[in-house]
C-alpha cells in the first residue's frame, strides 16, 4: 500500500507510550514533536568502568525547548 504522511500524523498525533526506553513519551498534536522526560546525566567511573549516571530529572513532559523559547507569533 501507499503511505499517506498526513493520515499517518493524524493517527499518531495523540500517541502515548508510558513505558518507552526514554521514559513516558507522547506526541504533541499541535507541533508533532515528541514530549519526553529530560535528564541531567554525568559520566562517572562506577566499578572501574565509565557509566552514564542520572543526576536529576529536569522535567517529566518537556516539549522542544527551542520552540518554546522562540515562539514567534
PDB file of N, CA and C in Angstrom:
ATOM      1  N   UNK A   1       0.795  -1.171   0.000  1.00  0.00           N
ATOM      2  CA  UNK A   1       0.000   0.000   0.000  1.00  0.00           C
ATOM      3  C   UNK A   1       0.853   1.257   0.000  1.00  0.00           C
ATOM      4  N   UNK A   2       0.194   2.351  -0.186  1.00  0.00           N
ATOM      5  CA  UNK A   2       0.848   3.651  -0.230  1.00  0.00           C
ATOM      6  C   UNK A   2       0.688   4.349   1.124  1.00  0.00           C
ATOM      7  N   UNK A   3       1.755   4.992   1.584  1.00  0.00           N
ATOM      8  CA  UNK A   3       1.719   5.702   2.858  1.00  0.00           C
ATOM      9  C   UNK A   3       1.318   7.151   2.618  1.00  0.00           C
ATOM     10  N   UNK A   4       0.317   7.587   3.369  1.00  0.00           N
ATOM     11  CA  UNK A   4      -0.145   8.972   3.316  1.00  0.00           C
ATOM     12  C   UNK A   4       0.405   9.688   4.560  1.00  0.00           C
ATOM     13  N   UNK A   5       1.415  10.574   4.403  1.00  0.00           N
ATOM     14  CA  UNK A   5       2.039  11.223   5.567  1.00  0.00           C
ATOM     15  C   UNK A   5       1.046  11.974   6.456  1.00  0.00           C
ATOM     16  N   UNK A   6       0.095  12.674   5.863  1.00  0.00           N
ATOM     17  CA  UNK A   6      -0.868  13.434   6.665  1.00  0.00           C
ATOM     18  C   UNK A   6      -1.758  12.505   7.482  1.00  0.00           C
ATOM     19  N   UNK A   7      -2.185  11.418   6.881  1.00  0.00           N
ATOM     20  CA  UNK A   7      -3.027  10.442   7.588  1.00  0.00           C
ATOM     21  C   UNK A   7      -2.226   9.769   8.709  1.00  0.00           C
ATOM     22  N   UNK A   8      -0.970   9.477   8.428  1.00  0.00           N
ATOM     23  CA  UNK A   8      -0.114   8.858   9.439  1.00  0.00           C
ATOM     24  C   UNK A   8       0.021   9.775  10.648  1.00  0.00           C
ATOM     25  N   UNK A   9       0.287  11.059  10.419  1.00  0.00           N
ATOM     26  CA  UNK A   9       0.415  12.001  11.530  1.00  0.00           C
ATOM     27  C   UNK A   9      -0.915  12.193  12.257  1.00  0.00           C
ATOM     28  N   UNK A  10      -2.008  12.132  11.536  1.00  0.00           N
ATOM     29  CA  UNK A  10      -3.327  12.226  12.164  1.00  0.00           C
ATOM     30  C   UNK A  10      -3.514  11.075  13.154  1.00  0.00           C
ATOM     31  N   UNK A  11      -3.072   9.886  12.755  1.00  0.00           N
ATOM     32  CA  UNK A  11      -3.191   8.718  13.629  1.00  0.00           C
ATOM     33  C   UNK A  11      -2.243   8.800  14.828  1.00  0.00           C
ATOM     34  N   UNK A  12      -1.067   9.388  14.626  1.00  0.00           N
ATOM     35  CA  UNK A  12      -0.051   9.424  15.681  1.00  0.00           C
ATOM     36  C   UNK A  12      -0.126  10.641  16.597  1.00  0.00           C
ATOM     37  N   UNK A  13      -0.931  11.645  16.255  1.00  0.00           N
ATOM     38  CA  UNK A  13      -0.872  12.908  16.993  1.00  0.00           C
ATOM     39  C   UNK A  13      -1.233  12.785  18.469  1.00  0.00           C
ATOM     40  N   UNK A  14      -1.951  11.767  18.855  1.00  0.00           N
ATOM     41  CA  UNK A  14      -2.273  11.563  20.273  1.00  0.00           C
ATOM     42  C   UNK A  14      -1.571  10.337  20.848  1.00  0.00           C
ATOM     43  N   UNK A  15      -0.479   9.918  20.191  1.00  0.00           N
ATOM     44  CA  UNK A  15       0.267   8.743  20.631  1.00  0.00           C
ATOM     45  C   UNK A  15       0.882   8.980  22.004  1.00  0.00           C
ATOM     46  N   UNK A  16       0.795   7.957  22.847  1.00  0.00           N
ATOM     47  CA  UNK A  16       1.426   7.988  24.168  1.00  0.00           C
ATOM     48  C   UNK A  16       1.996   6.607  24.448  1.00  0.00           C
ATOM     49  N   UNK A  17       3.178   6.574  25.051  1.00  0.00           N
ATOM     50  CA  UNK A  17       3.780   5.318  25.482  1.00  0.00           C
ATOM     51  C   UNK A  17       4.368   5.543  26.869  1.00  0.00           C
ATOM     52  N   UNK A  18       3.704   5.040  27.903  1.00  0.00           N
ATOM     53  CA  UNK A  18       4.196   5.269  29.259  1.00  0.00           C
ATOM     54  C   UNK A  18       5.441   4.453  29.602  1.00  0.00           C
ATOM     55  N   UNK A  19       5.788   3.474  28.756  1.00  0.00           N
ATOM     56  CA  UNK A  19       6.885   2.560  29.080  1.00  0.00           C
ATOM     57  C   UNK A  19       7.986   2.541  28.038  1.00  0.00           C
ATOM     58  N   UNK A  20       8.234   3.644  27.349  1.00  0.00           N
ATOM     59  CA  UNK A  20       9.289   3.657  26.334  1.00  0.00           C
ATOM     60  C   UNK A  20      10.663   3.630  27.011  1.00  0.00           C
ATOM     61  N   UNK A  21      11.714   3.267  26.283  1.00  0.00           N
ATOM     62  CA  UNK A  21      13.063   3.285  26.869  1.00  0.00           C
ATOM     63  C   UNK A  21      13.484   4.669  27.375  1.00  0.00           C
ATOM     64  N   UNK A  22      12.912   5.727  26.829  1.00  0.00           N
ATOM     65  CA  UNK A  22      13.228   7.099  27.264  1.00  0.00           C
ATOM     66  C   UNK A  22      12.420   7.517  28.473  1.00  0.00           C
ATOM     67  N   UNK A  23      11.479   6.711  28.888  1.00  0.00           N
ATOM     68  CA  UNK A  23      10.517   7.097  29.908  1.00  0.00           C
ATOM     69  C   UNK A  23       9.210   7.398  29.193  1.00  0.00           C
ATOM     70  N   UNK A  24       8.208   7.911  29.897  1.00  0.00           N
ATOM     71  CA  UNK A  24       6.921   8.179  29.251  1.00  0.00           C
ATOM     72  C   UNK A  24       7.052   9.243  28.162  1.00  0.00           C
ATOM     73  N   UNK A  25       6.552   8.930  26.974  1.00  0.00           N
ATOM     74  CA  UNK A  25       6.607   9.876  25.854  1.00  0.00           C
ATOM     75  C   UNK A  25       5.221  10.054  25.258  1.00  0.00           C
ATOM     76  N   UNK A  26       5.052  11.166  24.565  1.00  0.00           N
ATOM     77  CA  UNK A  26       3.826  11.415  23.803  1.00  0.00           C
ATOM     78  C   UNK A  26       4.195  12.301  22.626  1.00  0.00           C
ATOM     79  N   UNK A  27       3.262  12.468  21.712  1.00  0.00           N
ATOM     80  CA  UNK A  27       3.454  13.366  20.579  1.00  0.00           C
ATOM     81  C   UNK A  27       2.514  14.548  20.758  1.00  0.00           C
ATOM     82  N   UNK A  28       3.080  15.749  20.713  1.00  0.00           N
ATOM     83  CA  UNK A  28       2.296  16.974  20.836  1.00  0.00           C
ATOM     84  C   UNK A  28       1.469  17.131  19.563  1.00  0.00           C
ATOM     85  N   UNK A  29       0.132  17.100  19.660  1.00  0.00           N
ATOM     86  CA  UNK A  29      -0.692  17.181  18.452  1.00  0.00           C
ATOM     87  C   UNK A  29      -0.545  18.498  17.694  1.00  0.00           C
ATOM     88  N   UNK A  30      -0.182  19.581  18.378  1.00  0.00           N
ATOM     89  CA  UNK A  30      -0.056  20.883  17.710  1.00  0.00           C
ATOM     90  C   UNK A  30       1.242  21.002  16.918  1.00  0.00           C
ATOM     91  N   UNK A  31       2.336  20.476  17.476  1.00  0.00           N
ATOM     92  CA  UNK A  31       3.642  20.648  16.832  1.00  0.00           C
ATOM     93  C   UNK A  31       4.170  19.382  16.174  1.00  0.00           C
ATOM     94  N   UNK A  32       3.584  18.247  16.520  1.00  0.00           N
ATOM     95  CA  UNK A  32       4.025  16.923  16.049  1.00  0.00           C
ATOM     96  C   UNK A  32       5.389  16.538  16.608  1.00  0.00           C
ATOM     97  N   UNK A  33       5.823  17.201  17.650  1.00  0.00           N
ATOM     98  CA  UNK A  33       7.099  16.902  18.299  1.00  0.00           C
ATOM     99  C   UNK A  33       6.892  15.906  19.431  1.00  0.00           C
ATOM    100  N   UNK A  34       7.966  15.199  19.759  1.00  0.00           N
ATOM    101  CA  UNK A  34       7.912  14.287  20.889  1.00  0.00           C
ATOM    102  C   UNK A  34       7.998  15.091  22.184  1.00  0.00           C
ATOM    103  N   UNK A  35       7.243  14.675  23.173  1.00  0.00           N
ATOM    104  CA  UNK A  35       7.271  15.258  24.512  1.00  0.00           C
ATOM    105  C   UNK A  35       7.800  14.150  25.414  1.00  0.00           C
ATOM    106  N   UNK A  36       8.874  14.443  26.134  1.00  0.00           N
ATOM    107  CA  UNK A  36       9.557  13.386  26.874  1.00  0.00           C
ATOM    108  C   UNK A  36      10.237  13.936  28.117  1.00  0.00           C
ATOM    109  N   UNK A  37      10.640  13.046  29.026  1.00  0.00           N
ATOM    110  CA  UNK A  37      11.420  13.499  30.174  1.00  0.00           C
ATOM    111  C   UNK A  37      12.795  13.978  29.725  1.00  0.00           C
ATOM    112  N   UNK A  38      13.359  14.895  30.468  1.00  0.00           N
ATOM    113  CA  UNK A  38      14.729  15.362  30.231  1.00  0.00           C
ATOM    114  C   UNK A  38      15.535  15.037  31.484  1.00  0.00           C
ATOM    115  N   UNK A  39      16.723  14.524  31.266  1.00  0.00           N
ATOM    116  CA  UNK A  39      17.570  14.103  32.374  1.00  0.00           C
ATOM    117  C   UNK A  39      18.910  14.820  32.333  1.00  0.00           C
ATOM    118  N   UNK A  40      19.432  15.150  33.501  1.00  0.00           N
ATOM    119  CA  UNK A  40      20.799  15.636  33.630  1.00  0.00           C
ATOM    120  C   UNK A  40      21.638  14.414  33.978  1.00  0.00           C
ATOM    121  N   UNK A  41      22.635  14.135  33.139  1.00  0.00           N
ATOM    122  CA  UNK A  41      23.470  12.951  33.339  1.00  0.00           C
ATOM    123  C   UNK A  41      24.927  13.345  33.383  1.00  0.00           C
ATOM    124  N   UNK A  42      25.717  12.461  33.968  1.00  0.00           N
ATOM    125  CA  UNK A  42      27.149  12.688  34.077  1.00  0.00           C
ATOM    126  C   UNK A  42      27.853  11.351  33.880  1.00  0.00           C
ATOM    127  N   UNK A  43      28.982  11.395  33.191  1.00  0.00           N
ATOM    128  CA  UNK A  43      29.782  10.180  33.050  1.00  0.00           C
ATOM    129  C   UNK A  43      30.641  10.058  34.301  1.00  0.00           C
ATOM    130  N   UNK A  44      30.493   8.910  34.963  1.00  0.00           N
ATOM    131  CA  UNK A  44      31.262   8.633  36.182  1.00  0.00           C
ATOM    132  C   UNK A  44      31.900   7.254  36.062  1.00  0.00           C
ATOM    133  N   UNK A  45      32.949   7.059  36.819  1.00  0.00           N
ATOM    134  CA  UNK A  45      33.559   5.737  36.883  1.00  0.00           C
ATOM    135  C   UNK A  45      32.834   4.961  37.983  1.00  0.00           C
ATOM    136  N   UNK A  46      32.185   3.870  37.595  1.00  0.00           N
ATOM    137  CA  UNK A  46      31.437   3.038  38.528  1.00  0.00           C
ATOM    138  C   UNK A  46      31.968   1.615  38.399  1.00  0.00           C
ATOM    139  N   UNK A  47      32.485   1.077  39.481  1.00  0.00           N
ATOM    140  CA  UNK A  47      33.024  -0.282  39.440  1.00  0.00           C
ATOM    141  C   UNK A  47      34.160  -0.432  38.441  1.00  0.00           C
ATOM    142  N   UNK A  48      34.953   0.617  38.276  1.00  0.00           N
ATOM    143  CA  UNK A  48      36.083   0.564  37.358  1.00  0.00           C
ATOM    144  C   UNK A  48      35.734   0.813  35.899  1.00  0.00           C
ATOM    145  N   UNK A  49      34.454   1.072  35.611  1.00  0.00           N
ATOM    146  CA  UNK A  49      34.020   1.326  34.231  1.00  0.00           C
ATOM    147  C   UNK A  49      33.284   2.657  34.158  1.00  0.00           C
ATOM    148  N   UNK A  50      33.356   3.285  32.995  1.00  0.00           N
ATOM    149  CA  UNK A  50      32.610   4.524  32.799  1.00  0.00           C
ATOM    150  C   UNK A  50      31.130   4.207  32.638  1.00  0.00           C
ATOM    151  N   UNK A  51      30.288   5.004  33.291  1.00  0.00           N
ATOM    152  CA  UNK A  51      28.846   4.793  33.231  1.00  0.00           C
ATOM    153  C   UNK A  51      28.143   6.136  33.089  1.00  0.00           C
ATOM    154  N   UNK A  52      27.022   6.120  32.403  1.00  0.00           N
ATOM    155  CA  UNK A  52      26.174   7.285  32.231  1.00  0.00           C
ATOM    156  C   UNK A  52      25.199   7.298  33.415  1.00  0.00           C
ATOM    157  N   UNK A  53      25.421   8.186  34.368  1.00  0.00           N
ATOM    158  CA  UNK A  53      24.671   8.191  35.620  1.00  0.00           C
ATOM    159  C   UNK A  53      23.699   9.366  35.642  1.00  0.00           C
ATOM    160  N   UNK A  54      22.434   9.062  35.922  1.00  0.00           N
ATOM    161  CA  UNK A  54      21.431  10.126  36.024  1.00  0.00           C
ATOM    162  C   UNK A  54      21.638  10.901  37.321  1.00  0.00           C
ATOM    163  N   UNK A  55      21.739  12.227  37.192  1.00  0.00           N
ATOM    164  CA  UNK A  55      21.904  13.107  38.348  1.00  0.00           C
ATOM    165  C   UNK A  55      20.538  13.614  38.814  1.00  0.00           C
ATOM    166  N   UNK A  56      19.703  13.995  37.833  1.00  0.00           N
ATOM    167  CA  UNK A  56      18.423  14.619  38.163  1.00  0.00           C
ATOM    168  C   UNK A  56      17.488  14.524  36.964  1.00  0.00           C
ATOM    169  N   UNK A  57      16.195  14.381  37.237  1.00  0.00           N
ATOM    170  CA  UNK A  57      15.187  14.503  36.194  1.00  0.00           C
ATOM    171  C   UNK A  57      14.770  15.967  36.158  1.00  0.00           C
ATOM    172  N   UNK A  58      14.967  16.612  35.002  1.00  0.00           N
ATOM    173  CA  UNK A  58      14.708  18.050  34.884  1.00  0.00           C
ATOM    174  C   UNK A  58      13.253  18.363  34.580  1.00  0.00           C
ATOM    175  N   UNK A  59      12.547  17.410  34.048  1.00  0.00           N
ATOM    176  CA  UNK A  59      11.137  17.592  33.729  1.00  0.00           C
ATOM    177  C   UNK A  59      10.583  16.287  33.209  1.00  0.00           C
ATOM    178  N   UNK A  60       9.310  16.038  33.446  1.00  0.00           N
ATOM    179  CA  UNK A  60       8.741  14.758  33.025  1.00  0.00           C
ATOM    180  C   UNK A  60       8.002  14.835  31.698  1.00  0.00           C
ATOM    181  N   UNK A  61       7.614  16.010  31.262  1.00  0.00           N
ATOM    182  CA  UNK A  61       6.910  16.159  29.981  1.00  0.00           C
ATOM    183  C   UNK A  61       7.424  17.421  29.300  1.00  0.00           C
ATOM    184  N   UNK A  62       8.652  17.348  28.808  1.00  0.00           N
ATOM    185  CA  UNK A  62       9.327  18.515  28.255  1.00  0.00           C
ATOM    186  C   UNK A  62       9.108  18.592  26.749  1.00  0.00           C
ATOM    187  N   UNK A  63       8.590  19.739  26.301  1.00  0.00           N
ATOM    188  CA  UNK A  63       8.450  19.980  24.865  1.00  0.00           C
ATOM    189  C   UNK A  63       9.767  20.526  24.338  1.00  0.00           C
ATOM    190  N   UNK A  64       9.889  20.654  23.047  1.00  0.00           N
ATOM    191  CA  UNK A  64      11.112  21.155  22.424  1.00  0.00           C
ATOM    192  C   UNK A  64      11.440  22.536  22.992  1.00  0.00           C
ATOM    193  N   UNK A  65      12.528  22.658  23.768  1.00  0.00           N
ATOM    194  CA  UNK A  65      12.833  23.951  24.392  1.00  0.00           C
ATOM    195  C   UNK A  65      13.057  25.071  23.379  1.00  0.00           C
ATOM    196  N   UNK A  66      13.648  24.766  22.242  1.00  0.00           N
ATOM    197  CA  UNK A  66      13.888  25.798  21.233  1.00  0.00           C
ATOM    198  C   UNK A  66      12.564  26.405  20.777  1.00  0.00           C
ATOM    199  N   UNK A  67      11.599  25.549  20.488  1.00  0.00           N
ATOM    200  CA  UNK A  67      10.300  26.050  20.033  1.00  0.00           C
ATOM    201  C   UNK A  67       9.578  26.800  21.143  1.00  0.00           C
ATOM    202  N   UNK A  68       9.720  26.332  22.369  1.00  0.00           N
ATOM    203  CA  UNK A  68       9.071  27.003  23.492  1.00  0.00           C
ATOM    204  C   UNK A  68       9.658  28.399  23.714  1.00  0.00           C
ATOM    205  N   UNK A  69      10.980  28.537  23.583  1.00  0.00           N
ATOM    206  CA  UNK A  69      11.653  29.813  23.847  1.00  0.00           C
ATOM    207  C   UNK A  69      11.627  30.772  22.664  1.00  0.00           C
ATOM    208  N   UNK A  70      11.425  30.254  21.475  1.00  0.00           N
ATOM    209  CA  UNK A  70      11.482  31.085  20.273  1.00  0.00           C
ATOM    210  C   UNK A  70      10.157  31.101  19.527  1.00  0.00           C
ATOM    211  N   UNK A  71       9.076  31.049  20.268  1.00  0.00           N
ATOM    212  CA  UNK A  71       7.748  31.051  19.671  1.00  0.00           C
ATOM    213  C   UNK A  71       7.454  32.445  19.123  1.00  0.00           C
ATOM    214  N   UNK A  72       7.512  32.561  17.826  1.00  0.00           N
ATOM    215  CA  UNK A  72       7.253  33.856  17.176  1.00  0.00           C
ATOM    216  C   UNK A  72       5.857  33.835  16.584  1.00  0.00           C
ATOM    217  N   UNK A  73       5.041  34.766  17.023  1.00  0.00           N
ATOM    218  CA  UNK A  73       3.667  34.811  16.523  1.00  0.00           C
ATOM    219  C   UNK A  73       3.486  35.961  15.593  1.00  0.00           C
TER     220      UNK A  73
END
